[in-house]
Amino acid sequence: MVSIMHLAALDNAALLANWNANLPGLLAVVAPDDGAGQDPLPYGATFRPEDHVPIPRFDLSFGLPDWHGVGKHGDRDGNKKIVWTAP
């Protein structure tokens, strides 16, 4: 079993440490989508701008606006609120 923290975790340092420890095991059993590259591991101590990549449209729910899943449109405001900004 692989235990990966969700991206919405409050502690980025703990999140990145969790991903660095667990993603190699996940990549060993789950093949990437056709045409998808694999990010080099490990991640650093913080997210870099190049770590924010578009989510493939087929992985998103039908009806979401075109901007959803592309770029960085959401930010955390405290520990109980996420602020979305539409372009």
C-alpha atoms as a PDB file:
ATOM      1  CA  MET A   1       0.000   0.000   0.000  1.00  0.00           C
ATOM      2  CA  VAL A   2       1.178   3.515  -0.816  1.00  0.00           C
ATOM      3  CA  SER A   3      -0.011   6.390   1.362  1.00  0.00           C
ATOM      4  CA  ILE A   4       0.173   9.710  -0.515  1.00  0.00           C
ATOM      5  CA  MET A   5      -0.923  12.943   1.158  1.00  0.00           C
ATOM      6  CA  HIS A   6      -3.482  15.071  -0.714  1.00  0.00           C
ATOM      7  CA  LEU A   7      -2.207  18.264  -2.319  1.00  0.00           C
ATOM      8  CA  ALA A   8      -4.492  20.289  -0.035  1.00  0.00           C
ATOM      9  CA  ALA A   9      -2.469  19.255   3.044  1.00  0.00           C
ATOM     10  CA  LEU A  10      -1.721  22.246   5.244  1.00  0.00           C
ATOM     11  CA  ASP A  11       1.967  21.544   5.741  1.00  0.00           C
ATOM     12  CA  ASN A  12       3.906  21.748   2.446  1.00  0.00           C
ATOM     13  CA  ALA A  13       7.113  20.469   4.056  1.00  0.00           C
ATOM     14  CA  ALA A  14       5.320  17.349   5.338  1.00  0.00           C
ATOM     15  CA  LEU A  15       3.522  16.933   2.003  1.00  0.00           C
ATOM     16  CA  LEU A  16       6.730  17.081  -0.033  1.00  0.00           C
ATOM     17  CA  ALA A  17       8.535  14.739   2.366  1.00  0.00           C
ATOM     18  CA  ASN A  18       5.615  12.298   2.065  1.00  0.00           C
ATOM     19  CA  TRP A  19       5.669  12.489  -1.740  1.00  0.00           C
ATOM     20  CA  ASN A  20       9.459  12.049  -1.896  1.00  0.00           C
ATOM     21  CA  ALA A  21       9.196   8.949   0.287  1.00  0.00           C
ATOM     22  CA  ASN A  22       6.155   7.372  -1.400  1.00  0.00           C
ATOM     23  CA  LEU A  23       6.020   8.378  -5.079  1.00  0.00           C
ATOM     24  CA  PRO A  24       8.786   5.975  -6.193  1.00  0.00           C
ATOM     25  CA  GLY A  25       6.715   3.049  -4.860  1.00  0.00           C
ATOM     26  CA  LEU A  26       3.603   4.357  -6.593  1.00  0.00           C
ATOM     27  CA  LEU A  27       5.429   4.861  -9.902  1.00  0.00           C
ATOM     28  CA  ALA A  28       6.614   1.255  -9.679  1.00  0.00           C
ATOM     29  CA  VAL A  29       3.012  -0.044  -9.834  1.00  0.00           C
ATOM     30  CA  VAL A  30       1.055   2.651 -11.746  1.00  0.00           C
ATOM     31  CA  ALA A  31       1.926   3.446 -15.346  1.00  0.00           C
ATOM     32  CA  PRO A  32       1.707   7.107 -16.371  1.00  0.00           C
ATOM     33  CA  ASP A  33      -0.893   8.180 -18.951  1.00  0.00           C
ATOM     34  CA  ASP A  34       0.207   7.983 -22.588  1.00  0.00           C
ATOM     35  CA  GLY A  35       2.245  11.054 -23.458  1.00  0.00           C
ATOM     36  CA  ALA A  36       2.683  12.101 -19.845  1.00  0.00           C
ATOM     37  CA  GLY A  37       6.184  12.708 -18.618  1.00  0.00           C
ATOM     38  CA  GLN A  38       7.423  11.741 -15.205  1.00  0.00           C
ATOM     39  CA  ASP A  39       8.657  14.522 -12.980  1.00  0.00           C
ATOM     40  CA  PRO A  40      12.151  13.998 -11.651  1.00  0.00           C
ATOM     41  CA  LEU A  41      12.222  12.952  -8.026  1.00  0.00           C
ATOM     42  CA  PRO A  42      12.703  14.047  -5.361  1.00  0.00           C
ATOM     43  CA  TYR A  43      10.841  17.315  -5.030  1.00  0.00           C
ATOM     44  CA  GLY A  44      12.684  20.117  -3.268  1.00  0.00           C
ATOM     45  CA  ALA A  45      11.752  21.777   0.008  1.00  0.00           C
ATOM     46  CA  THR A  46       9.083  23.920  -1.721  1.00  0.00           C
ATOM     47  CA  PHE A  47       6.974  23.739  -4.865  1.00  0.00           C
ATOM     48  CA  ARG A  48       8.556  25.382  -7.907  1.00  0.00           C
ATOM     49  CA  PRO A  49       6.570  27.127 -10.656  1.00  0.00           C
ATOM     50  CA  GLU A  50       7.386  24.257 -13.041  1.00  0.00           C
ATOM     51  CA  ASP A  51       5.768  21.808 -10.583  1.00  0.00           C
ATOM     52  CA  HIS A  52       2.364  23.335 -11.461  1.00  0.00           C
ATOM     53  CA  VAL A  53       1.349  21.630 -14.701  1.00  0.00           C
ATOM     54  CA  PRO A  54      -2.070  21.427 -16.387  1.00  0.00           C
ATOM     55  CA  ILE A  55      -4.359  18.563 -15.404  1.00  0.00           C
ATOM     56  CA  PRO A  56      -5.357  16.571 -18.519  1.00  0.00           C
ATOM     57  CA  ARG A  57      -8.936  17.470 -19.511  1.00  0.00           C
ATOM     58  CA  PHE A  58     -10.025  13.811 -19.442  1.00  0.00           C
ATOM     59  CA  ASP A  59      -9.114  13.688 -15.727  1.00  0.00           C
ATOM     60  CA  LEU A  60     -11.547  16.520 -14.905  1.00  0.00           C
ATOM     61  CA  SER A  61     -15.316  16.409 -14.521  1.00  0.00           C
ATOM     62  CA  PHE A  62     -17.533  17.239 -17.482  1.00  0.00           C
ATOM     63  CA  GLY A  63     -18.636  20.855 -17.597  1.00  0.00           C
ATOM     64  CA  LEU A  64     -15.740  22.481 -15.768  1.00  0.00           C
ATOM     65  CA  PRO A  65     -14.610  25.765 -17.362  1.00  0.00           C
ATOM     66  CA  ASP A  66     -11.550  25.598 -19.648  1.00  0.00           C
ATOM     67  CA  TRP A  67      -9.340  27.489 -17.178  1.00  0.00           C
ATOM     68  CA  HIS A  68      -9.941  24.935 -14.408  1.00  0.00           C
ATOM     69  CA  GLY A  69      -6.931  22.650 -13.983  1.00  0.00           C
ATOM     70  CA  VAL A  70      -4.545  25.007 -15.801  1.00  0.00           C
ATOM     71  CA  GLY A  71      -2.156  27.258 -13.900  1.00  0.00           C
ATOM     72  CA  LYS A  72      -2.389  28.250 -10.283  1.00  0.00           C
ATOM     73  CA  HIS A  73      -5.845  29.697  -9.631  1.00  0.00           C
ATOM     74  CA  GLY A  74      -6.348  28.632  -6.029  1.00  0.00           C
ATOM     75  CA  ASP A  75      -4.592  29.741  -2.885  1.00  0.00           C
ATOM     76  CA  ARG A  76      -5.099  28.900   0.752  1.00  0.00           C
ATOM     77  CA  ASP A  77      -6.268  31.727   3.010  1.00  0.00           C
ATOM     78  CA  GLY A  78      -5.612  30.436   6.511  1.00  0.00           C
ATOM     79  CA  ASN A  79      -6.306  26.793   7.281  1.00  0.00           C
ATOM     80  CA  LYS A  80     -10.040  26.701   6.474  1.00  0.00           C
ATOM     81  CA  LYS A  81     -10.467  28.640   3.251  1.00  0.00           C
ATOM     82  CA  ILE A  82      -9.317  28.218  -0.346  1.00  0.00           C
ATOM     83  CA  VAL A  83      -9.685  31.235  -2.634  1.00  0.00           C
ATOM     84  CA  TRP A  84     -10.278  30.515  -6.346  1.00  0.00           C
ATOM     85  CA  THR A  85      -9.551  33.146  -8.978  1.00  0.00           C
ATOM     86  CA  ALA A  86     -11.020  32.748 -12.462  1.00  0.00           C
ATOM     87  CA  PRO A  87      -8.943  34.310 -15.241  1.00  0.00           C
END
